[in-house]
Amino acid sequence: MSEAAFKTRITDLLGIRYPVLCGGLLHLADANYVAAVVNAGAMGFISALTFSDPEQLRDEIRKCRDLTGGKPFGVNLYISARPDANDRLIPLMSVVREERVAVVETAGGSPANIVPLMKEAGIKVIHKVPAVRFALSAERAGVDAVILVGAEGGGHPGYMMVGTMVQGASGPQKLSIPVVLGGGIGHGSQLTAALAMGCEGILMGTRMLVSEEIRAHRDYKQRIVQGDGLDSLVVLTSFKNHHRVLHNETAEAVAELEQQGNRDYADYADLLSGSKARAAYASGDTREGLLDYGQSACFAGQVEPVAAILERFIAQADLALKRLTS
């Protein structure tokens, strides 16, 4: 494989071998997982909100630094649309600044207030958005790159539900900063396609849930292996807070409340509790909890180390490139 073929502005920006980002997974993306991603030549992000105590995040950052031998890695910072909900984020951001991580992956609300704080500390900012219009705002706010996530992705694909192929072709035409494409990505040929459309890399989330290094019960991972990517459900559409999750009892209960026309968010509180998701990851019982789950689960055929997943992914990308050039 010619590494030069996969050299982009993203690999230069982040100092990585391959233009592959593995997004921050709440409750799951810890030092062990992120270090495995980084040591395999990609970029990973520790999920800051996984840690209730800022000092726990500091310890995790330092552990990751040891495991990677000082190679650059990132931290995910989720910005809530509710200002009061960001109180937890403030001390975590202070730790990120003090530890001077290489890059942060921001998502959710506008990064405008975070960008100058990170830039002062020499930290790069990549903002994740569900549509080009938000990417343009992020570019004006001064981020270094954007991640465009299509409707196929697990988690929050945005209320406009724009497909990944449309995002991938549209974004690079309208933005001057590097565009990373996410949403349903799990096969290396999609990296080659993304580069052909003008993107500078791809983002994977769901595909990596079957990694050996992911901190979750093996039964949970086996459920992902058994899935075909079609067994997801998009809920909270009535709140314009679209959330693609594994189709389970909790997701059905949320959908039922919406079908009844219930618009009182308080009535959803127990179902939306993060404690249910954490319990599912720990026990392997996937019947309860809103568990982020995208359509790229169809590519997750077995539980295996991060390095094996990424090695196969790059080999698939190289084969796709050879098909084009032959």
Foldseek 3Di string as FASTA:
>chain_A
DDLVVQDFVCCVLQVFSGQEEAEADALWQFLLQQLLQRLLGYEYAHELVNDQDLVVVLVRVVSNCVSNVNRAYHHEQEDEPDVVVCPSVVSNLVSCLVVLGAEYEYEYDACLVVVVVNVVSVHAYEYEDLALVSVVVNVVSPHQEYEHEALQFAFFNFLVRHGQVVRLLPNQVPDPHAYETHHLDQALQVQLVSVVSPHSHYYDYQLCPLAPSTQFDNLLSVVLLPDQQPQWDWAPSVVRRTGIFGNAQLRVVRVVCVVVVDPDVVVNDVQADPVQVSVCRHPVPPRGYGHTHGSNSNNNNHRYHPSVSVVNSNVRNVVSVVVVVD
